[in-house]
Amino acid sequence: MAPKQQRIQVAKADPRRPQAKGYVSSAYNTLTSPENASVVRSIAVFGAAVAFFSSSWSEFLLPPL
Protein backbone atom coordinates (compact mmCIF):
# COMPACT_ATOMS: atom_id res chain seq x y z
CA MET A 1 0.00 0.00 0.00
CA ALA A 2 1.41 3.36 -1.02
CA PRO A 3 1.88 5.99 1.68
CA LYS A 4 -0.57 8.85 1.74
CA GLN A 5 0.67 12.14 0.35
CA GLN A 6 0.92 14.94 2.83
CA ARG A 7 0.18 18.46 1.73
CA ILE A 8 2.19 21.22 3.34
CA GLN A 9 0.45 24.55 3.45
CA VAL A 10 2.73 27.57 3.51
CA ALA A 11 1.47 30.44 5.63
CA LYS A 12 1.36 33.85 4.00
CA ALA A 13 3.30 36.71 5.52
CA ASP A 14 1.36 38.82 7.98
CA PRO A 15 1.05 42.35 6.54
CA ARG A 16 0.93 43.86 10.04
CA ARG A 17 4.28 42.36 11.01
CA PRO A 18 7.30 44.41 9.87
CA GLN A 19 9.74 42.81 7.48
CA ALA A 20 13.03 41.54 8.83
CA LYS A 21 15.81 44.09 8.46
CA GLY A 22 18.92 43.40 6.48
CA TYR A 23 22.37 43.19 7.98
CA VAL A 24 23.48 46.64 6.82
CA SER A 25 20.40 48.49 8.04
CA SER A 26 20.50 46.64 11.35
CA ALA A 27 24.17 47.56 11.84
CA TYR A 28 23.49 51.18 10.88
CA ASN A 29 20.61 51.45 13.35
CA THR A 30 22.78 49.94 16.08
CA LEU A 31 25.65 52.35 15.42
CA THR A 32 23.42 55.43 15.30
CA SER A 33 21.34 54.63 18.38
CA PRO A 34 21.73 57.20 21.19
CA GLU A 35 22.70 54.58 23.76
CA ASN A 36 25.79 53.61 21.72
CA ALA A 37 26.89 57.17 20.87
CA SER A 38 29.74 57.38 23.39
CA VAL A 39 31.21 54.03 22.36
CA VAL A 40 31.03 54.85 18.64
CA ARG A 41 32.53 58.30 19.26
CA SER A 42 35.44 56.93 21.29
CA ILE A 43 36.23 54.28 18.67
CA ALA A 44 36.19 56.96 15.95
CA VAL A 45 38.56 59.22 17.94
CA PHE A 46 40.89 56.30 18.61
CA GLY A 47 40.94 55.42 14.90
CA ALA A 48 41.67 59.04 13.96
CA ALA A 49 44.53 59.17 16.50
CA VAL A 50 46.06 55.96 15.17
CA ALA A 51 45.78 57.23 11.61
CA PHE A 52 47.40 60.56 12.61
CA PHE A 53 50.30 59.01 14.51
CA SER A 54 51.04 56.53 11.73
CA SER A 55 51.14 59.26 9.09
CA SER A 56 53.87 61.76 8.29
CA TRP A 57 51.81 64.51 9.95
CA SER A 58 52.91 63.22 13.36
CA GLU A 59 56.42 64.57 12.69
CA PHE A 60 55.06 68.06 13.44
CA LEU A 61 54.79 67.03 17.08
CA LEU A 62 58.54 66.37 17.39
CA PRO A 63 60.61 69.20 18.86
CA PRO A 64 63.01 70.93 16.47
CA LEU A 65 66.61 69.78 16.67
PDB file of N, CA and C in Angstrom:
ATOM      1  N   MET A   1       0.840  -1.165   0.000  1.00  0.00           N
ATOM      2  CA  MET A   1       0.000   0.000   0.000  1.00  0.00           C
ATOM      3  C   MET A   1       0.891   1.237   0.000  1.00  0.00           C
ATOM      4  N   ALA A   2       0.605   2.140  -0.880  1.00  0.00           N
ATOM      5  CA  ALA A   2       1.411   3.358  -1.017  1.00  0.00           C
ATOM      6  C   ALA A   2       1.106   4.328   0.134  1.00  0.00           C
ATOM      7  N   PRO A   3       2.127   5.036   0.601  1.00  0.00           N
ATOM      8  CA  PRO A   3       1.877   5.991   1.681  1.00  0.00           C
ATOM      9  C   PRO A   3       1.031   7.159   1.196  1.00  0.00           C
ATOM     10  N   LYS A   4       0.283   7.718   2.097  1.00  0.00           N
ATOM     11  CA  LYS A   4      -0.568   8.853   1.743  1.00  0.00           C
ATOM     12  C   LYS A   4       0.318  10.092   1.544  1.00  0.00           C
ATOM     13  N   GLN A   5      -0.073  10.901   0.589  1.00  0.00           N
ATOM     14  CA  GLN A   5       0.674  12.135   0.355  1.00  0.00           C
ATOM     15  C   GLN A   5       0.242  13.190   1.356  1.00  0.00           C
ATOM     16  N   GLN A   6       1.217  13.868   1.887  1.00  0.00           N
ATOM     17  CA  GLN A   6       0.920  14.939   2.827  1.00  0.00           C
ATOM     18  C   GLN A   6       1.060  16.275   2.101  1.00  0.00           C
ATOM     19  N   ARG A   7       0.121  17.135   2.334  1.00  0.00           N
ATOM     20  CA  ARG A   7       0.184  18.464   1.732  1.00  0.00           C
ATOM     21  C   ARG A   7       0.661  19.447   2.805  1.00  0.00           C
ATOM     22  N   ILE A   8       1.653  20.217   2.431  1.00  0.00           N
ATOM     23  CA  ILE A   8       2.191  21.222   3.343  1.00  0.00           C
ATOM     24  C   ILE A   8       1.682  22.578   2.895  1.00  0.00           C
ATOM     25  N   GLN A   9       0.991  23.242   3.777  1.00  0.00           N
ATOM     26  CA  GLN A   9       0.451  24.546   3.451  1.00  0.00           C
ATOM     27  C   GLN A   9       1.386  25.617   4.008  1.00  0.00           C
ATOM     28  N   VAL A  10       1.818  26.507   3.122  1.00  0.00           N
ATOM     29  CA  VAL A  10       2.729  27.571   3.511  1.00  0.00           C
ATOM     30  C   VAL A  10       1.903  28.769   3.931  1.00  0.00           C
ATOM     31  N   ALA A  11       2.203  29.282   5.119  1.00  0.00           N
ATOM     32  CA  ALA A  11       1.466  30.438   5.630  1.00  0.00           C
ATOM     33  C   ALA A  11       1.943  31.699   4.924  1.00  0.00           C
ATOM     34  N   LYS A  12       1.010  32.578   4.630  1.00  0.00           N
ATOM     35  CA  LYS A  12       1.362  33.846   4.001  1.00  0.00           C
ATOM     36  C   LYS A  12       1.902  34.794   5.057  1.00  0.00           C
ATOM     37  N   ALA A  13       2.712  35.743   4.597  1.00  0.00           N
ATOM     38  CA  ALA A  13       3.299  36.713   5.520  1.00  0.00           C
ATOM     39  C   ALA A  13       2.214  37.625   6.067  1.00  0.00           C
ATOM     40  N   ASP A  14       2.319  37.930   7.327  1.00  0.00           N
ATOM     41  CA  ASP A  14       1.364  38.820   7.980  1.00  0.00           C
ATOM     42  C   ASP A  14       1.687  40.261   7.591  1.00  0.00           C
ATOM     43  N   PRO A  15       0.753  40.985   6.976  1.00  0.00           N
ATOM     44  CA  PRO A  15       1.053  42.354   6.536  1.00  0.00           C
ATOM     45  C   PRO A  15       1.258  43.318   7.704  1.00  0.00           C
ATOM     46  N   ARG A  16       0.765  42.974   8.889  1.00  0.00           N
ATOM     47  CA  ARG A  16       0.934  43.859  10.039  1.00  0.00           C
ATOM     48  C   ARG A  16       2.315  43.709  10.667  1.00  0.00           C
ATOM     49  N   ARG A  17       2.963  42.613  10.425  1.00  0.00           N
ATOM     50  CA  ARG A  17       4.278  42.361  11.009  1.00  0.00           C
ATOM     51  C   ARG A  17       5.350  42.996  10.124  1.00  0.00           C
ATOM     52  N   PRO A  18       6.275  43.782  10.695  1.00  0.00           N
ATOM     53  CA  PRO A  18       7.303  44.414   9.871  1.00  0.00           C
ATOM     54  C   PRO A  18       8.269  43.380   9.290  1.00  0.00           C
ATOM     55  N   GLN A  19       8.796  43.712   8.136  1.00  0.00           N
ATOM     56  CA  GLN A  19       9.739  42.813   7.479  1.00  0.00           C
ATOM     57  C   GLN A  19      11.046  42.786   8.262  1.00  0.00           C
ATOM     58  N   ALA A  20      11.739  41.665   8.164  1.00  0.00           N
ATOM     59  CA  ALA A  20      13.031  41.541   8.833  1.00  0.00           C
ATOM     60  C   ALA A  20      14.027  42.485   8.172  1.00  0.00           C
ATOM     61  N   LYS A  21      14.842  43.141   8.995  1.00  0.00           N
ATOM     62  CA  LYS A  21      15.814  44.092   8.462  1.00  0.00           C
ATOM     63  C   LYS A  21      17.029  43.338   7.946  1.00  0.00           C
ATOM     64  N   GLY A  22      17.692  43.966   6.998  1.00  0.00           N
ATOM     65  CA  GLY A  22      18.917  43.399   6.481  1.00  0.00           C
ATOM     66  C   GLY A  22      20.074  43.653   7.425  1.00  0.00           C
ATOM     67  N   TYR A  23      21.199  43.068   7.121  1.00  0.00           N
ATOM     68  CA  TYR A  23      22.372  43.186   7.977  1.00  0.00           C
ATOM     69  C   TYR A  23      22.883  44.620   8.025  1.00  0.00           C
ATOM     70  N   VAL A  24      22.924  45.282   6.877  1.00  0.00           N
ATOM     71  CA  VAL A  24      23.479  46.637   6.818  1.00  0.00           C
ATOM     72  C   VAL A  24      22.585  47.624   7.567  1.00  0.00           C
ATOM     73  N   SER A  25      21.289  47.555   7.353  1.00  0.00           N
ATOM     74  CA  SER A  25      20.400  48.493   8.038  1.00  0.00           C
ATOM     75  C   SER A  25      20.354  48.219   9.540  1.00  0.00           C
ATOM     76  N   SER A  26      20.462  46.972   9.928  1.00  0.00           N
ATOM     77  CA  SER A  26      20.504  46.642  11.348  1.00  0.00           C
ATOM     78  C   SER A  26      21.780  47.175  11.993  1.00  0.00           C
ATOM     79  N   ALA A  27      22.905  47.035  11.314  1.00  0.00           N
ATOM     80  CA  ALA A  27      24.170  47.557  11.842  1.00  0.00           C
ATOM     81  C   ALA A  27      24.142  49.076  11.902  1.00  0.00           C
ATOM     82  N   TYR A  28      23.573  49.719  10.883  1.00  0.00           N
ATOM     83  CA  TYR A  28      23.485  51.184  10.879  1.00  0.00           C
ATOM     84  C   TYR A  28      22.616  51.683  12.027  1.00  0.00           C
ATOM     85  N   ASN A  29      21.490  51.047  12.249  1.00  0.00           N
ATOM     86  CA  ASN A  29      20.606  51.449  13.351  1.00  0.00           C
ATOM     87  C   ASN A  29      21.276  51.236  14.705  1.00  0.00           C
ATOM     88  N   THR A  30      22.070  50.186  14.826  1.00  0.00           N
ATOM     89  CA  THR A  30      22.781  49.941  16.077  1.00  0.00           C
ATOM     90  C   THR A  30      23.850  50.999  16.318  1.00  0.00           C
ATOM     91  N   LEU A  31      24.578  51.358  15.262  1.00  0.00           N
ATOM     92  CA  LEU A  31      25.648  52.347  15.425  1.00  0.00           C
ATOM     93  C   LEU A  31      25.113  53.749  15.681  1.00  0.00           C
ATOM     94  N   THR A  32      23.948  54.070  15.160  1.00  0.00           N
ATOM     95  CA  THR A  32      23.417  55.426  15.302  1.00  0.00           C
ATOM     96  C   THR A  32      22.442  55.562  16.465  1.00  0.00           C
ATOM     97  N   SER A  33      22.248  54.521  17.240  1.00  0.00           N
ATOM     98  CA  SER A  33      21.338  54.633  18.375  1.00  0.00           C
ATOM     99  C   SER A  33      21.973  55.499  19.464  1.00  0.00           C
ATOM    100  N   PRO A  34      21.182  56.291  20.166  1.00  0.00           N
ATOM    101  CA  PRO A  34      21.735  57.199  21.187  1.00  0.00           C
ATOM    102  C   PRO A  34      22.457  56.485  22.329  1.00  0.00           C
ATOM    103  N   GLU A  35      22.063  55.268  22.639  1.00  0.00           N
ATOM    104  CA  GLU A  35      22.703  54.575  23.758  1.00  0.00           C
ATOM    105  C   GLU A  35      24.110  54.100  23.416  1.00  0.00           C
ATOM    106  N   ASN A  36      24.459  54.031  22.127  1.00  0.00           N
ATOM    107  CA  ASN A  36      25.793  53.609  21.721  1.00  0.00           C
ATOM    108  C   ASN A  36      26.657  54.775  21.259  1.00  0.00           C
ATOM    109  N   ALA A  37      26.188  56.008  21.419  1.00  0.00           N
ATOM    110  CA  ALA A  37      26.889  57.171  20.869  1.00  0.00           C
ATOM    111  C   ALA A  37      28.275  57.331  21.475  1.00  0.00           C
ATOM    112  N   SER A  38      28.430  57.168  22.772  1.00  0.00           N
ATOM    113  CA  SER A  38      29.739  57.381  23.394  1.00  0.00           C
ATOM    114  C   SER A  38      30.746  56.316  22.960  1.00  0.00           C
ATOM    115  N   VAL A  39      30.299  55.098  22.792  1.00  0.00           N
ATOM    116  CA  VAL A  39      31.209  54.033  22.359  1.00  0.00           C
ATOM    117  C   VAL A  39      31.644  54.263  20.920  1.00  0.00           C
ATOM    118  N   VAL A  40      30.707  54.599  20.045  1.00  0.00           N
ATOM    119  CA  VAL A  40      31.027  54.845  18.642  1.00  0.00           C
ATOM    120  C   VAL A  40      31.955  56.048  18.524  1.00  0.00           C
ATOM    121  N   ARG A  41      31.695  57.099  19.301  1.00  0.00           N
ATOM    122  CA  ARG A  41      32.530  58.304  19.257  1.00  0.00           C
ATOM    123  C   ARG A  41      33.949  57.998  19.723  1.00  0.00           C
ATOM    124  N   SER A  42      34.100  57.239  20.791  1.00  0.00           N
ATOM    125  CA  SER A  42      35.438  56.934  21.292  1.00  0.00           C
ATOM    126  C   SER A  42      36.219  56.037  20.325  1.00  0.00           C
ATOM    127  N   ILE A  43      35.558  55.119  19.670  1.00  0.00           N
ATOM    128  CA  ILE A  43      36.233  54.283  18.670  1.00  0.00           C
ATOM    129  C   ILE A  43      36.661  55.124  17.478  1.00  0.00           C
ATOM    130  N   ALA A  44      35.841  56.092  17.074  1.00  0.00           N
ATOM    131  CA  ALA A  44      36.192  56.962  15.955  1.00  0.00           C
ATOM    132  C   ALA A  44      37.386  57.848  16.301  1.00  0.00           C
ATOM    133  N   VAL A  45      37.428  58.385  17.520  1.00  0.00           N
ATOM    134  CA  VAL A  45      38.558  59.222  17.940  1.00  0.00           C
ATOM    135  C   VAL A  45      39.824  58.384  18.029  1.00  0.00           C
ATOM    136  N   PHE A  46      39.730  57.182  18.541  1.00  0.00           N
ATOM    137  CA  PHE A  46      40.888  56.297  18.608  1.00  0.00           C
ATOM    138  C   PHE A  46      41.411  55.981  17.206  1.00  0.00           C
ATOM    139  N   GLY A  47      40.519  55.695  16.280  1.00  0.00           N
ATOM    140  CA  GLY A  47      40.936  55.418  14.901  1.00  0.00           C
ATOM    141  C   GLY A  47      41.592  56.623  14.258  1.00  0.00           C
ATOM    142  N   ALA A  48      41.057  57.824  14.510  1.00  0.00           N
ATOM    143  CA  ALA A  48      41.667  59.037  13.961  1.00  0.00           C
ATOM    144  C   ALA A  48      43.051  59.269  14.566  1.00  0.00           C
ATOM    145  N   ALA A  49      43.223  59.005  15.861  1.00  0.00           N
ATOM    146  CA  ALA A  49      44.528  59.173  16.501  1.00  0.00           C
ATOM    147  C   ALA A  49      45.548  58.189  15.942  1.00  0.00           C
ATOM    148  N   VAL A  50      45.145  56.951  15.743  1.00  0.00           N
ATOM    149  CA  VAL A  50      46.059  55.955  15.172  1.00  0.00           C
ATOM    150  C   VAL A  50      46.445  56.343  13.754  1.00  0.00           C
ATOM    151  N   ALA A  51      45.481  56.810  12.977  1.00  0.00           N
ATOM    152  CA  ALA A  51      45.780  57.234  11.610  1.00  0.00           C
ATOM    153  C   ALA A  51      46.726  58.436  11.608  1.00  0.00           C
ATOM    154  N   PHE A  52      46.533  59.383  12.537  1.00  0.00           N
ATOM    155  CA  PHE A  52      47.395  60.562  12.605  1.00  0.00           C
ATOM    156  C   PHE A  52      48.814  60.174  12.994  1.00  0.00           C
ATOM    157  N   PHE A  53      48.968  59.347  14.043  1.00  0.00           N
ATOM    158  CA  PHE A  53      50.303  59.006  14.508  1.00  0.00           C
ATOM    159  C   PHE A  53      51.049  58.079  13.555  1.00  0.00           C
ATOM    160  N   SER A  54      50.351  57.384  12.693  1.00  0.00           N
ATOM    161  CA  SER A  54      51.043  56.528  11.727  1.00  0.00           C
ATOM    162  C   SER A  54      51.334  57.257  10.424  1.00  0.00           C
ATOM    163  N   SER A  55      50.888  58.496  10.305  1.00  0.00           N
ATOM    164  CA  SER A  55      51.137  59.262   9.088  1.00  0.00           C
ATOM    165  C   SER A  55      52.350  60.168   9.275  1.00  0.00           C
ATOM    166  N   SER A  56      52.738  60.836   8.212  1.00  0.00           N
ATOM    167  CA  SER A  56      53.869  61.758   8.290  1.00  0.00           C
ATOM    168  C   SER A  56      53.502  63.048   9.017  1.00  0.00           C
ATOM    169  N   TRP A  57      52.237  63.315   9.229  1.00  0.00           N
ATOM    170  CA  TRP A  57      51.812  64.510   9.954  1.00  0.00           C
ATOM    171  C   TRP A  57      52.244  64.476  11.412  1.00  0.00           C
ATOM    172  N   SER A  58      52.519  63.306  11.958  1.00  0.00           N
ATOM    173  CA  SER A  58      52.914  63.218  13.357  1.00  0.00           C
ATOM    174  C   SER A  58      54.308  63.783  13.597  1.00  0.00           C
ATOM    175  N   GLU A  59      55.087  63.989  12.541  1.00  0.00           N
ATOM    176  CA  GLU A  59      56.416  64.575  12.691  1.00  0.00           C
ATOM    177  C   GLU A  59      56.344  66.024  13.158  1.00  0.00           C
ATOM    178  N   PHE A  60      55.217  66.673  12.969  1.00  0.00           N
ATOM    179  CA  PHE A  60      55.063  68.062  13.437  1.00  0.00           C
ATOM    180  C   PHE A  60      55.041  68.147  14.957  1.00  0.00           C
ATOM    181  N   LEU A  61      54.804  67.034  15.630  1.00  0.00           N
ATOM    182  CA  LEU A  61      54.790  67.026  17.083  1.00  0.00           C
ATOM    183  C   LEU A  61      56.188  66.916  17.683  1.00  0.00           C
ATOM    184  N   LEU A  62      57.177  66.515  16.882  1.00  0.00           N
ATOM    185  CA  LEU A  62      58.536  66.370  17.388  1.00  0.00           C
ATOM    186  C   LEU A  62      59.165  67.740  17.595  1.00  0.00           C
ATOM    187  N   PRO A  63      59.950  67.900  18.652  1.00  0.00           N
ATOM    188  CA  PRO A  63      60.614  69.198  18.861  1.00  0.00           C
ATOM    189  C   PRO A  63      61.709  69.416  17.824  1.00  0.00           C
ATOM    190  N   PRO A  64      61.954  70.674  17.468  1.00  0.00           N
ATOM    191  CA  PRO A  64      63.006  70.928  16.470  1.00  0.00           C
ATOM    192  C   PRO A  64      64.388  70.617  17.052  1.00  0.00           C
ATOM    193  N   LEU A  65      65.256  70.113  16.211  1.00  0.00           N
ATOM    194  CA  LEU A  65      66.613  69.777  16.671  1.00  0.00           C
ATOM    195  C   LEU A  65      67.588  70.876  16.355  1.00  0.00           C
TER     196      LEU A  65
END
